[in-house]
Amino acid sequence: MNYILTLVNILLLVVGQTVWKIGIEKMPLNSIGNILSAIFSPLILLGIALYGLATVIWIYLLSKFPLSVLYPLQSLAYVLGMVVALLIFHEHISATRWIGVAFIMFGVYLISK
């Protein structure tokens, strides 16, 4: 169950970042007024709410796992972020970055054993 909550935490973080990216993409941030408008836009507020929920789950997980296990598992967010960048934002991801993702995945495998 705690590993499922860890995955939920990671998904909330990645979805939060994704809605922030979508929400901020077409907003000019060249003045204080624009920045304040951006902060209070629905997608940015949704991302903040998702991060808040992720934080509550994280605090619970900290009581169940050693930090030396939990924190490296969190690196799966980088992997999912790359997948989101590819599939949703159609970003080019170089082979070097994919190799880095493979190293992260291998590290997560080692830590979770």
PDB file of N, CA and C in Angstrom:
ATOM      1  N   MET A   1       0.824  -1.207   0.000  1.00  0.00           N
ATOM      2  CA  MET A   1       0.000   0.000   0.000  1.00  0.00           C
ATOM      3  C   MET A   1       0.864   1.266   0.000  1.00  0.00           C
ATOM      4  N   ASN A   2       1.950   1.246   0.774  1.00  0.00           N
ATOM      5  CA  ASN A   2       2.796   2.433   0.834  1.00  0.00           C
ATOM      6  C   ASN A   2       3.511   2.693  -0.490  1.00  0.00           C
ATOM      7  N   TYR A   3       3.822   1.631  -1.235  1.00  0.00           N
ATOM      8  CA  TYR A   3       4.428   1.836  -2.550  1.00  0.00           C
ATOM      9  C   TYR A   3       3.415   2.432  -3.526  1.00  0.00           C
ATOM     10  N   ILE A   4       2.161   2.047  -3.376  1.00  0.00           N
ATOM     11  CA  ILE A   4       1.107   2.640  -4.214  1.00  0.00           C
ATOM     12  C   ILE A   4       0.971   4.123  -3.892  1.00  0.00           C
ATOM     13  N   LEU A   5       0.995   4.467  -2.614  1.00  0.00           N
ATOM     14  CA  LEU A   5       0.932   5.884  -2.225  1.00  0.00           C
ATOM     15  C   LEU A   5       2.151   6.654  -2.738  1.00  0.00           C
ATOM     16  N   THR A   6       3.293   5.999  -2.772  1.00  0.00           N
ATOM     17  CA  THR A   6       4.482   6.644  -3.329  1.00  0.00           C
ATOM     18  C   THR A   6       4.262   6.953  -4.800  1.00  0.00           C
ATOM     19  N   LEU A   7       3.701   6.007  -5.533  1.00  0.00           N
ATOM     20  CA  LEU A   7       3.398   6.237  -6.946  1.00  0.00           C
ATOM     21  C   LEU A   7       2.357   7.342  -7.113  1.00  0.00           C
ATOM     22  N   VAL A   8       1.342   7.356  -6.266  1.00  0.00           N
ATOM     23  CA  VAL A   8       0.330   8.425  -6.322  1.00  0.00           C
ATOM     24  C   VAL A   8       0.987   9.774  -6.076  1.00  0.00           C
ATOM     25  N   ASN A   9       1.881   9.831  -5.098  1.00  0.00           N
ATOM     26  CA  ASN A   9       2.602  11.064  -4.807  1.00  0.00           C
ATOM     27  C   ASN A   9       3.377  11.538  -6.031  1.00  0.00           C
ATOM     28  N   ILE A  10       4.078  10.630  -6.673  1.00  0.00           N
ATOM     29  CA  ILE A  10       4.869  10.968  -7.864  1.00  0.00           C
ATOM     30  C   ILE A  10       3.953  11.445  -8.985  1.00  0.00           C
ATOM     31  N   LEU A  11       2.843  10.757  -9.187  1.00  0.00           N
ATOM     32  CA  LEU A  11       1.900  11.149 -10.243  1.00  0.00           C
ATOM     33  C   LEU A  11       1.321  12.532  -9.973  1.00  0.00           C
ATOM     34  N   LEU A  12       0.994  12.819  -8.717  1.00  0.00           N
ATOM     35  CA  LEU A  12       0.473  14.145  -8.386  1.00  0.00           C
ATOM     36  C   LEU A  12       1.493  15.235  -8.697  1.00  0.00           C
ATOM     37  N   LEU A  13       2.760  14.969  -8.393  1.00  0.00           N
ATOM     38  CA  LEU A  13       3.809  15.945  -8.691  1.00  0.00           C
ATOM     39  C   LEU A  13       3.943  16.177 -10.194  1.00  0.00           C
ATOM     40  N   VAL A  14       3.930  15.107 -10.966  1.00  0.00           N
ATOM     41  CA  VAL A  14       4.096  15.234 -12.419  1.00  0.00           C
ATOM     42  C   VAL A  14       2.872  15.902 -13.044  1.00  0.00           C
ATOM     43  N   VAL A  15       1.694  15.526 -12.606  1.00  0.00           N
ATOM     44  CA  VAL A  15       0.486  16.163 -13.143  1.00  0.00           C
ATOM     45  C   VAL A  15       0.458  17.633 -12.740  1.00  0.00           C
ATOM     46  N   GLY A  16       0.874  17.934 -11.511  1.00  0.00           N
ATOM     47  CA  GLY A  16       0.940  19.330 -11.078  1.00  0.00           C
ATOM     48  C   GLY A  16       1.870  20.146 -11.965  1.00  0.00           C
ATOM     49  N   GLN A  17       3.057  19.627 -12.237  1.00  0.00           N
ATOM     50  CA  GLN A  17       3.998  20.321 -13.125  1.00  0.00           C
ATOM     51  C   GLN A  17       3.426  20.471 -14.529  1.00  0.00           C
ATOM     52  N   THR A  18       2.726  19.432 -14.988  1.00  0.00           N
ATOM     53  CA  THR A  18       2.154  19.464 -16.341  1.00  0.00           C
ATOM     54  C   THR A  18       1.087  20.541 -16.462  1.00  0.00           C
ATOM     55  N   VAL A  19       0.187  20.623 -15.483  1.00  0.00           N
ATOM     56  CA  VAL A  19      -0.847  21.664 -15.577  1.00  0.00           C
ATOM     57  C   VAL A  19      -0.235  23.048 -15.424  1.00  0.00           C
ATOM     58  N   TRP A  20       0.847  23.170 -14.632  1.00  0.00           N
ATOM     59  CA  TRP A  20       1.548  24.468 -14.570  1.00  0.00           C
ATOM     60  C   TRP A  20       2.108  24.837 -15.935  1.00  0.00           C
ATOM     61  N   LYS A  21       2.733  23.884 -16.603  1.00  0.00           N
ATOM     62  CA  LYS A  21       3.324  24.140 -17.918  1.00  0.00           C
ATOM     63  C   LYS A  21       2.236  24.550 -18.908  1.00  0.00           C
ATOM     64  N   ILE A  22       1.136  23.822 -18.920  1.00  0.00           N
ATOM     65  CA  ILE A  22       0.026  24.153 -19.819  1.00  0.00           C
ATOM     66  C   ILE A  22      -0.534  25.534 -19.467  1.00  0.00           C
ATOM     67  N   GLY A  23      -0.699  25.783 -18.183  1.00  0.00           N
ATOM     68  CA  GLY A  23      -1.289  27.048 -17.737  1.00  0.00           C
ATOM     69  C   GLY A  23      -0.419  28.257 -18.008  1.00  0.00           C
ATOM     70  N   ILE A  24       0.866  28.084 -18.059  1.00  0.00           N
ATOM     71  CA  ILE A  24       1.774  29.231 -18.168  1.00  0.00           C
ATOM     72  C   ILE A  24       2.298  29.433 -19.593  1.00  0.00           C
ATOM     73  N   GLU A  25       2.100  28.448 -20.454  1.00  0.00           N
ATOM     74  CA  GLU A  25       2.696  28.500 -21.793  1.00  0.00           C
ATOM     75  C   GLU A  25       2.373  29.758 -22.588  1.00  0.00           C
ATOM     76  N   LYS A  26       1.150  30.202 -22.536  1.00  0.00           N
ATOM     77  CA  LYS A  26       0.757  31.335 -23.383  1.00  0.00           C
ATOM     78  C   LYS A  26       0.562  32.622 -22.589  1.00  0.00           C
ATOM     79  N   MET A  27       1.049  32.649 -21.364  1.00  0.00           N
ATOM     80  CA  MET A  27       0.909  33.849 -20.542  1.00  0.00           C
ATOM     81  C   MET A  27       2.203  34.645 -20.561  1.00  0.00           C
ATOM     82  N   PRO A  28       2.113  35.916 -20.900  1.00  0.00           N
ATOM     83  CA  PRO A  28       3.323  36.736 -20.801  1.00  0.00           C
ATOM     84  C   PRO A  28       3.625  37.031 -19.335  1.00  0.00           C
ATOM     85  N   LEU A  29       4.867  36.926 -18.975  1.00  0.00           N
ATOM     86  CA  LEU A  29       5.262  37.180 -17.583  1.00  0.00           C
ATOM     87  C   LEU A  29       6.236  38.350 -17.539  1.00  0.00           C
ATOM     88  N   ASN A  30       5.830  39.457 -18.147  1.00  0.00           N
ATOM     89  CA  ASN A  30       6.730  40.601 -18.244  1.00  0.00           C
ATOM     90  C   ASN A  30       6.383  41.743 -17.291  1.00  0.00           C
ATOM     91  N   SER A  31       5.423  41.510 -16.398  1.00  0.00           N
ATOM     92  CA  SER A  31       5.098  42.536 -15.402  1.00  0.00           C
ATOM     93  C   SER A  31       4.541  41.862 -14.155  1.00  0.00           C
ATOM     94  N   ILE A  32       4.532  42.607 -13.075  1.00  0.00           N
ATOM     95  CA  ILE A  32       3.997  42.086 -11.807  1.00  0.00           C
ATOM     96  C   ILE A  32       2.527  41.713 -11.963  1.00  0.00           C
ATOM     97  N   GLY A  33       1.783  42.527 -12.679  1.00  0.00           N
ATOM     98  CA  GLY A  33       0.361  42.243 -12.897  1.00  0.00           C
ATOM     99  C   GLY A  33       0.160  40.926 -13.632  1.00  0.00           C
ATOM    100  N   ASN A  34       0.973  40.686 -14.660  1.00  0.00           N
ATOM    101  CA  ASN A  34       0.874  39.426 -15.408  1.00  0.00           C
ATOM    102  C   ASN A  34       1.250  38.235 -14.535  1.00  0.00           C
ATOM    103  N   ILE A  35       2.255  38.415 -13.702  1.00  0.00           N
ATOM    104  CA  ILE A  35       2.681  37.331 -12.815  1.00  0.00           C
ATOM    105  C   ILE A  35       1.577  37.006 -11.811  1.00  0.00           C
ATOM    106  N   LEU A  36       0.953  38.038 -11.251  1.00  0.00           N
ATOM    107  CA  LEU A  36      -0.144  37.812 -10.305  1.00  0.00           C
ATOM    108  C   LEU A  36      -1.335  37.157 -10.996  1.00  0.00           C
ATOM    109  N   SER A  37      -1.636  37.579 -12.208  1.00  0.00           N
ATOM    110  CA  SER A  37      -2.716  36.939 -12.970  1.00  0.00           C
ATOM    111  C   SER A  37      -2.410  35.474 -13.206  1.00  0.00           C
ATOM    112  N   ALA A  38      -1.157  35.182 -13.533  1.00  0.00           N
ATOM    113  CA  ALA A  38      -0.752  33.800 -13.777  1.00  0.00           C
ATOM    114  C   ALA A  38      -0.908  32.963 -12.514  1.00  0.00           C
ATOM    115  N   ILE A  39      -0.470  33.505 -11.384  1.00  0.00           N
ATOM    116  CA  ILE A  39      -0.524  32.752 -10.126  1.00  0.00           C
ATOM    117  C   ILE A  39      -1.958  32.372  -9.772  1.00  0.00           C
ATOM    118  N   PHE A  40      -2.901  33.255 -10.090  1.00  0.00           N
ATOM    119  CA  PHE A  40      -4.293  33.003  -9.732  1.00  0.00           C
ATOM    120  C   PHE A  40      -5.123  32.430 -10.872  1.00  0.00           C
ATOM    121  N   SER A  41      -4.461  31.964 -11.923  1.00  0.00           N
ATOM    122  CA  SER A  41      -5.205  31.323 -13.005  1.00  0.00           C
ATOM    123  C   SER A  41      -5.615  29.914 -12.578  1.00  0.00           C
ATOM    124  N   PRO A  42      -6.690  29.387 -13.139  1.00  0.00           N
ATOM    125  CA  PRO A  42      -7.206  28.083 -12.689  1.00  0.00           C
ATOM    126  C   PRO A  42      -6.195  26.937 -12.773  1.00  0.00           C
ATOM    127  N   LEU A  43      -5.439  26.855 -13.851  1.00  0.00           N
ATOM    128  CA  LEU A  43      -4.497  25.747 -13.968  1.00  0.00           C
ATOM    129  C   LEU A  43      -3.348  25.860 -12.967  1.00  0.00           C
ATOM    130  N   ILE A  44      -2.899  27.065 -12.709  1.00  0.00           N
ATOM    131  CA  ILE A  44      -1.833  27.237 -11.726  1.00  0.00           C
ATOM    132  C   ILE A  44      -2.361  26.880 -10.336  1.00  0.00           C
ATOM    133  N   LEU A  45      -3.570  27.310 -10.025  1.00  0.00           N
ATOM    134  CA  LEU A  45      -4.170  26.956  -8.733  1.00  0.00           C
ATOM    135  C   LEU A  45      -4.391  25.448  -8.614  1.00  0.00           C
ATOM    136  N   LEU A  46      -4.774  24.809  -9.711  1.00  0.00           N
ATOM    137  CA  LEU A  46      -4.926  23.347  -9.704  1.00  0.00           C
ATOM    138  C   LEU A  46      -3.588  22.677  -9.406  1.00  0.00           C
ATOM    139  N   GLY A  47      -2.529  23.158 -10.041  1.00  0.00           N
ATOM    140  CA  GLY A  47      -1.202  22.611  -9.781  1.00  0.00           C
ATOM    141  C   GLY A  47      -0.790  22.781  -8.329  1.00  0.00           C
ATOM    142  N   ILE A  48      -1.108  23.925  -7.753  1.00  0.00           N
ATOM    143  CA  ILE A  48      -0.800  24.166  -6.335  1.00  0.00           C
ATOM    144  C   ILE A  48      -1.579  23.191  -5.453  1.00  0.00           C
ATOM    145  N   ALA A  49      -2.850  22.966  -5.788  1.00  0.00           N
ATOM    146  CA  ALA A  49      -3.661  22.017  -5.014  1.00  0.00           C
ATOM    147  C   ALA A  49      -3.097  20.600  -5.123  1.00  0.00           C
ATOM    148  N   LEU A  50      -2.675  20.217  -6.315  1.00  0.00           N
ATOM    149  CA  LEU A  50      -2.086  18.890  -6.503  1.00  0.00           C
ATOM    150  C   LEU A  50      -0.798  18.752  -5.689  1.00  0.00           C
ATOM    151  N   TYR A  51       0.005  19.802  -5.682  1.00  0.00           N
ATOM    152  CA  TYR A  51       1.235  19.791  -4.880  1.00  0.00           C
ATOM    153  C   TYR A  51       0.913  19.720  -3.388  1.00  0.00           C
ATOM    154  N   GLY A  52      -0.141  20.399  -2.966  1.00  0.00           N
ATOM    155  CA  GLY A  52      -0.551  20.335  -1.564  1.00  0.00           C
ATOM    156  C   GLY A  52      -0.946  18.919  -1.168  1.00  0.00           C
ATOM    157  N   LEU A  53      -1.717  18.259  -2.016  1.00  0.00           N
ATOM    158  CA  LEU A  53      -2.110  16.879  -1.748  1.00  0.00           C
ATOM    159  C   LEU A  53      -0.888  15.965  -1.752  1.00  0.00           C
ATOM    160  N   ALA A  54       0.007  16.182  -2.699  1.00  0.00           N
ATOM    161  CA  ALA A  54       1.241  15.390  -2.752  1.00  0.00           C
ATOM    162  C   ALA A  54       2.054  15.579  -1.475  1.00  0.00           C
ATOM    163  N   THR A  55       2.071  16.780  -0.941  1.00  0.00           N
ATOM    164  CA  THR A  55       2.817  17.052   0.294  1.00  0.00           C
ATOM    165  C   THR A  55       2.222  16.315   1.476  1.00  0.00           C
ATOM    166  N   VAL A  56       0.912  16.267   1.567  1.00  0.00           N
ATOM    167  CA  VAL A  56       0.256  15.525   2.644  1.00  0.00           C
ATOM    168  C   VAL A  56       0.626  14.043   2.560  1.00  0.00           C
ATOM    169  N   ILE A  57       0.573  13.487   1.358  1.00  0.00           N
ATOM    170  CA  ILE A  57       0.952  12.086   1.168  1.00  0.00           C
ATOM    171  C   ILE A  57       2.427  11.882   1.506  1.00  0.00           C
ATOM    172  N   TRP A  58       3.271  12.822   1.073  1.00  0.00           N
ATOM    173  CA  TRP A  58       4.715  12.736   1.341  1.00  0.00           C
ATOM    174  C   TRP A  58       4.994  12.685   2.847  1.00  0.00           C
ATOM    175  N   ILE A  59       4.334  13.527   3.603  1.00  0.00           N
ATOM    176  CA  ILE A  59       4.536  13.552   5.049  1.00  0.00           C
ATOM    177  C   ILE A  59       4.146  12.204   5.653  1.00  0.00           C
ATOM    178  N   TYR A  60       3.038  11.646   5.201  1.00  0.00           N
ATOM    179  CA  TYR A  60       2.637  10.317   5.666  1.00  0.00           C
ATOM    180  C   TYR A  60       3.705   9.277   5.305  1.00  0.00           C
ATOM    181  N   LEU A  61       4.173   9.316   4.059  1.00  0.00           N
ATOM    182  CA  LEU A  61       5.166   8.342   3.609  1.00  0.00           C
ATOM    183  C   LEU A  61       6.480   8.452   4.382  1.00  0.00           C
ATOM    184  N   LEU A  62       6.832   9.672   4.765  1.00  0.00           N
ATOM    185  CA  LEU A  62       8.050   9.856   5.557  1.00  0.00           C
ATOM    186  C   LEU A  62       7.970   9.120   6.890  1.00  0.00           C
ATOM    187  N   SER A  63       6.768   8.929   7.392  1.00  0.00           N
ATOM    188  CA  SER A  63       6.612   8.194   8.648  1.00  0.00           C
ATOM    189  C   SER A  63       6.678   6.679   8.436  1.00  0.00           C
ATOM    190  N   LYS A  64       6.626   6.243   7.180  1.00  0.00           N
ATOM    191  CA  LYS A  64       6.592   4.804   6.887  1.00  0.00           C
ATOM    192  C   LYS A  64       7.870   4.262   6.259  1.00  0.00           C
ATOM    193  N   PHE A  65       8.630   5.111   5.570  1.00  0.00           N
ATOM    194  CA  PHE A  65       9.835   4.677   4.866  1.00  0.00           C
ATOM    195  C   PHE A  65      11.042   5.438   5.394  1.00  0.00           C
ATOM    196  N   PRO A  66      12.208   4.823   5.323  1.00  0.00           N
ATOM    197  CA  PRO A  66      13.423   5.609   5.572  1.00  0.00           C
ATOM    198  C   PRO A  66      13.589   6.637   4.439  1.00  0.00           C
ATOM    199  N   LEU A  67      14.064   7.790   4.777  1.00  0.00           N
ATOM    200  CA  LEU A  67      14.282   8.837   3.773  1.00  0.00           C
ATOM    201  C   LEU A  67      15.244   8.360   2.689  1.00  0.00           C
ATOM    202  N   SER A  68      16.208   7.524   3.076  1.00  0.00           N
ATOM    203  CA  SER A  68      17.196   7.027   2.120  1.00  0.00           C
ATOM    204  C   SER A  68      16.586   6.098   1.081  1.00  0.00           C
ATOM    205  N   VAL A  69      15.385   5.614   1.315  1.00  0.00           N
ATOM    206  CA  VAL A  69      14.661   4.816   0.324  1.00  0.00           C
ATOM    207  C   VAL A  69      13.656   5.693  -0.415  1.00  0.00           C
ATOM    208  N   LEU A  70      12.897   6.452   0.338  1.00  0.00           N
ATOM    209  CA  LEU A  70      11.791   7.223  -0.234  1.00  0.00           C
ATOM    210  C   LEU A  70      12.258   8.304  -1.200  1.00  0.00           C
ATOM    211  N   TYR A  71      13.273   9.040  -0.801  1.00  0.00           N
ATOM    212  CA  TYR A  71      13.699  10.165  -1.635  1.00  0.00           C
ATOM    213  C   TYR A  71      14.210   9.715  -3.008  1.00  0.00           C
ATOM    214  N   PRO A  72      15.037   8.677  -3.086  1.00  0.00           N
ATOM    215  CA  PRO A  72      15.443   8.215  -4.417  1.00  0.00           C
ATOM    216  C   PRO A  72      14.279   7.677  -5.258  1.00  0.00           C
ATOM    217  N   LEU A  73      13.283   7.081  -4.607  1.00  0.00           N
ATOM    218  CA  LEU A  73      12.115   6.619  -5.371  1.00  0.00           C
ATOM    219  C   LEU A  73      11.415   7.790  -6.046  1.00  0.00           C
ATOM    220  N   GLN A  74      11.488   8.936  -5.418  1.00  0.00           N
ATOM    221  CA  GLN A  74      10.878  10.155  -5.956  1.00  0.00           C
ATOM    222  C   GLN A  74      11.473  10.522  -7.319  1.00  0.00           C
ATOM    223  N   SER A  75      12.654  10.017  -7.619  1.00  0.00           N
ATOM    224  CA  SER A  75      13.286  10.334  -8.908  1.00  0.00           C
ATOM    225  C   SER A  75      12.500   9.777 -10.085  1.00  0.00           C
ATOM    226  N   LEU A  76      11.553   8.894  -9.829  1.00  0.00           N
ATOM    227  CA  LEU A  76      10.681   8.434 -10.913  1.00  0.00           C
ATOM    228  C   LEU A  76       9.880   9.588 -11.502  1.00  0.00           C
ATOM    229  N   ALA A  77       9.724  10.662 -10.747  1.00  0.00           N
ATOM    230  CA  ALA A  77       9.045  11.848 -11.274  1.00  0.00           C
ATOM    231  C   ALA A  77       9.808  12.405 -12.477  1.00  0.00           C
ATOM    232  N   TYR A  78      11.146  12.312 -12.454  1.00  0.00           N
ATOM    233  CA  TYR A  78      11.939  12.770 -13.596  1.00  0.00           C
ATOM    234  C   TYR A  78      11.639  11.930 -14.829  1.00  0.00           C
ATOM    235  N   VAL A  79      11.504  10.638 -14.612  1.00  0.00           N
ATOM    236  CA  VAL A  79      11.224   9.723 -15.720  1.00  0.00           C
ATOM    237  C   VAL A  79       9.853  10.037 -16.307  1.00  0.00           C
ATOM    238  N   LEU A  80       8.852  10.151 -15.456  1.00  0.00           N
ATOM    239  CA  LEU A  80       7.499  10.452 -15.940  1.00  0.00           C
ATOM    240  C   LEU A  80       7.432  11.840 -16.565  1.00  0.00           C
ATOM    241  N   GLY A  81       8.197  12.762 -16.018  1.00  0.00           N
ATOM    242  CA  GLY A  81       8.249  14.099 -16.613  1.00  0.00           C
ATOM    243  C   GLY A  81       8.781  14.070 -18.038  1.00  0.00           C
ATOM    244  N   MET A  82       9.760  13.236 -18.280  1.00  0.00           N
ATOM    245  CA  MET A  82      10.297  13.100 -19.647  1.00  0.00           C
ATOM    246  C   MET A  82       9.238  12.513 -20.589  1.00  0.00           C
ATOM    247  N   VAL A  83       8.499  11.538 -20.098  1.00  0.00           N
ATOM    248  CA  VAL A  83       7.445  10.927 -20.917  1.00  0.00           C
ATOM    249  C   VAL A  83       6.369  11.957 -21.230  1.00  0.00           C
ATOM    250  N   VAL A  84       5.987  12.750 -20.242  1.00  0.00           N
ATOM    251  CA  VAL A  84       5.007  13.821 -20.464  1.00  0.00           C
ATOM    252  C   VAL A  84       5.540  14.834 -21.469  1.00  0.00           C
ATOM    253  N   ALA A  85       6.803  15.208 -21.329  1.00  0.00           N
ATOM    254  CA  ALA A  85       7.410  16.162 -22.271  1.00  0.00           C
ATOM    255  C   ALA A  85       7.333  15.631 -23.693  1.00  0.00           C
ATOM    256  N   LEU A  86       7.560  14.347 -23.851  1.00  0.00           N
ATOM    257  CA  LEU A  86       7.519  13.734 -25.181  1.00  0.00           C
ATOM    258  C   LEU A  86       6.093  13.645 -25.714  1.00  0.00           C
ATOM    259  N   LEU A  87       5.187  13.090 -24.906  1.00  0.00           N
ATOM    260  CA  LEU A  87       3.839  12.786 -25.393  1.00  0.00           C
ATOM    261  C   LEU A  87       2.900  13.984 -25.432  1.00  0.00           C
ATOM    262  N   ILE A  88       2.999  14.867 -24.465  1.00  0.00           N
ATOM    263  CA  ILE A  88       2.052  15.988 -24.402  1.00  0.00           C
ATOM    264  C   ILE A  88       2.619  17.241 -25.051  1.00  0.00           C
ATOM    265  N   PHE A  89       3.887  17.536 -24.774  1.00  0.00           N
ATOM    266  CA  PHE A  89       4.468  18.777 -25.276  1.00  0.00           C
ATOM    267  C   PHE A  89       5.294  18.577 -26.542  1.00  0.00           C
ATOM    268  N   HIS A  90       5.401  17.322 -26.993  1.00  0.00           N
ATOM    269  CA  HIS A  90       6.104  16.980 -28.235  1.00  0.00           C
ATOM    270  C   HIS A  90       7.528  17.516 -28.268  1.00  0.00           C
ATOM    271  N   GLU A  91       8.183  17.436 -27.115  1.00  0.00           N
ATOM    272  CA  GLU A  91       9.572  17.878 -27.032  1.00  0.00           C
ATOM    273  C   GLU A  91      10.494  16.797 -27.573  1.00  0.00           C
ATOM    274  N   HIS A  92      11.582  17.228 -28.181  1.00  0.00           N
ATOM    275  CA  HIS A  92      12.611  16.274 -28.621  1.00  0.00           C
ATOM    276  C   HIS A  92      13.457  15.903 -27.409  1.00  0.00           C
ATOM    277  N   ILE A  93      13.645  14.619 -27.220  1.00  0.00           N
ATOM    278  CA  ILE A  93      14.455  14.141 -26.100  1.00  0.00           C
ATOM    279  C   ILE A  93      15.611  13.340 -26.684  1.00  0.00           C
ATOM    280  N   SER A  94      16.806  13.795 -26.410  1.00  0.00           N
ATOM    281  CA  SER A  94      17.999  13.188 -27.004  1.00  0.00           C
ATOM    282  C   SER A  94      18.269  11.800 -26.409  1.00  0.00           C
ATOM    283  N   ALA A  95      19.080  11.058 -27.114  1.00  0.00           N
ATOM    284  CA  ALA A  95      19.474   9.726 -26.652  1.00  0.00           C
ATOM    285  C   ALA A  95      20.196   9.813 -25.312  1.00  0.00           C
ATOM    286  N   THR A  96      20.980  10.854 -25.130  1.00  0.00           N
ATOM    287  CA  THR A  96      21.705  11.027 -23.869  1.00  0.00           C
ATOM    288  C   THR A  96      20.733  11.137 -22.690  1.00  0.00           C
ATOM    289  N   ARG A  97      19.654  11.852 -22.893  1.00  0.00           N
ATOM    290  CA  ARG A  97      18.654  11.975 -21.821  1.00  0.00           C
ATOM    291  C   ARG A  97      17.984  10.628 -21.543  1.00  0.00           C
ATOM    292  N   TRP A  98      17.695   9.867 -22.604  1.00  0.00           N
ATOM    293  CA  TRP A  98      17.090   8.553 -22.398  1.00  0.00           C
ATOM    294  C   TRP A  98      18.043   7.622 -21.662  1.00  0.00           C
ATOM    295  N   ILE A  99      19.323   7.748 -21.931  1.00  0.00           N
ATOM    296  CA  ILE A  99      20.308   6.961 -21.191  1.00  0.00           C
ATOM    297  C   ILE A  99      20.279   7.359 -19.717  1.00  0.00           C
ATOM    298  N   GLY A 100      20.169   8.648 -19.461  1.00  0.00           N
ATOM    299  CA  GLY A 100      20.039   9.114 -18.078  1.00  0.00           C
ATOM    300  C   GLY A 100      18.810   8.534 -17.403  1.00  0.00           C
ATOM    301  N   VAL A 101      17.703   8.465 -18.135  1.00  0.00           N
ATOM    302  CA  VAL A 101      16.474   7.870 -17.597  1.00  0.00           C
ATOM    303  C   VAL A 101      16.709   6.391 -17.270  1.00  0.00           C
ATOM    304  N   ALA A 102      17.435   5.707 -18.124  1.00  0.00           N
ATOM    305  CA  ALA A 102      17.733   4.293 -17.864  1.00  0.00           C
ATOM    306  C   ALA A 102      18.539   4.150 -16.566  1.00  0.00           C
ATOM    307  N   PHE A 103      19.489   5.041 -16.349  1.00  0.00           N
ATOM    308  CA  PHE A 103      20.261   5.012 -15.104  1.00  0.00           C
ATOM    309  C   PHE A 103      19.363   5.262 -13.892  1.00  0.00           C
ATOM    310  N   ILE A 104      18.448   6.203 -14.017  1.00  0.00           N
ATOM    311  CA  ILE A 104      17.512   6.473 -12.921  1.00  0.00           C
ATOM    312  C   ILE A 104      16.679   5.231 -12.623  1.00  0.00           C
ATOM    313  N   MET A 105      16.152   4.618 -13.672  1.00  0.00           N
ATOM    314  CA  MET A 105      15.320   3.430 -13.494  1.00  0.00           C
ATOM    315  C   MET A 105      16.116   2.304 -12.830  1.00  0.00           C
ATOM    316  N   PHE A 106      17.366   2.133 -13.244  1.00  0.00           N
ATOM    317  CA  PHE A 106      18.204   1.106 -12.638  1.00  0.00           C
ATOM    318  C   PHE A 106      18.471   1.431 -11.171  1.00  0.00           C
ATOM    319  N   GLY A 107      18.707   2.675 -10.877  1.00  0.00           N
ATOM    320  CA  GLY A 107      18.917   3.091  -9.492  1.00  0.00           C
ATOM    321  C   GLY A 107      17.685   2.847  -8.633  1.00  0.00           C
ATOM    322  N   VAL A 108      16.517   3.160  -9.161  1.00  0.00           N
ATOM    323  CA  VAL A 108      15.269   2.915  -8.431  1.00  0.00           C
ATOM    324  C   VAL A 108      15.101   1.417  -8.184  1.00  0.00           C
ATOM    325  N   TYR A 109      15.424   0.620  -9.189  1.00  0.00           N
ATOM    326  CA  TYR A 109      15.361  -0.828  -9.031  1.00  0.00           C
ATOM    327  C   TYR A 109      16.268  -1.282  -7.879  1.00  0.00           C
ATOM    328  N   LEU A 110      17.494  -0.796  -7.855  1.00  0.00           N
ATOM    329  CA  LEU A 110      18.435  -1.197  -6.806  1.00  0.00           C
ATOM    330  C   LEU A 110      17.952  -0.774  -5.419  1.00  0.00           C
ATOM    331  N   ILE A 111      17.415   0.414  -5.327  1.00  0.00           N
ATOM    332  CA  ILE A 111      16.973   0.939  -4.030  1.00  0.00           C
ATOM    333  C   ILE A 111      15.732   0.202  -3.528  1.00  0.00           C
ATOM    334  N   SER A 112      14.869  -0.193  -4.439  1.00  0.00           N
ATOM    335  CA  SER A 112      13.615  -0.827  -4.019  1.00  0.00           C
ATOM    336  C   SER A 112      13.787  -2.293  -3.659  1.00  0.00           C
ATOM    337  N   LYS A 113      14.959  -2.866  -3.895  1.00  0.00           N
ATOM    338  CA  LYS A 113      15.189  -4.283  -3.561  1.00  0.00           C
ATOM    339  C   LYS A 113      15.382  -4.465  -2.076  1.00  0.00           C
TER     340      LYS A 113
END
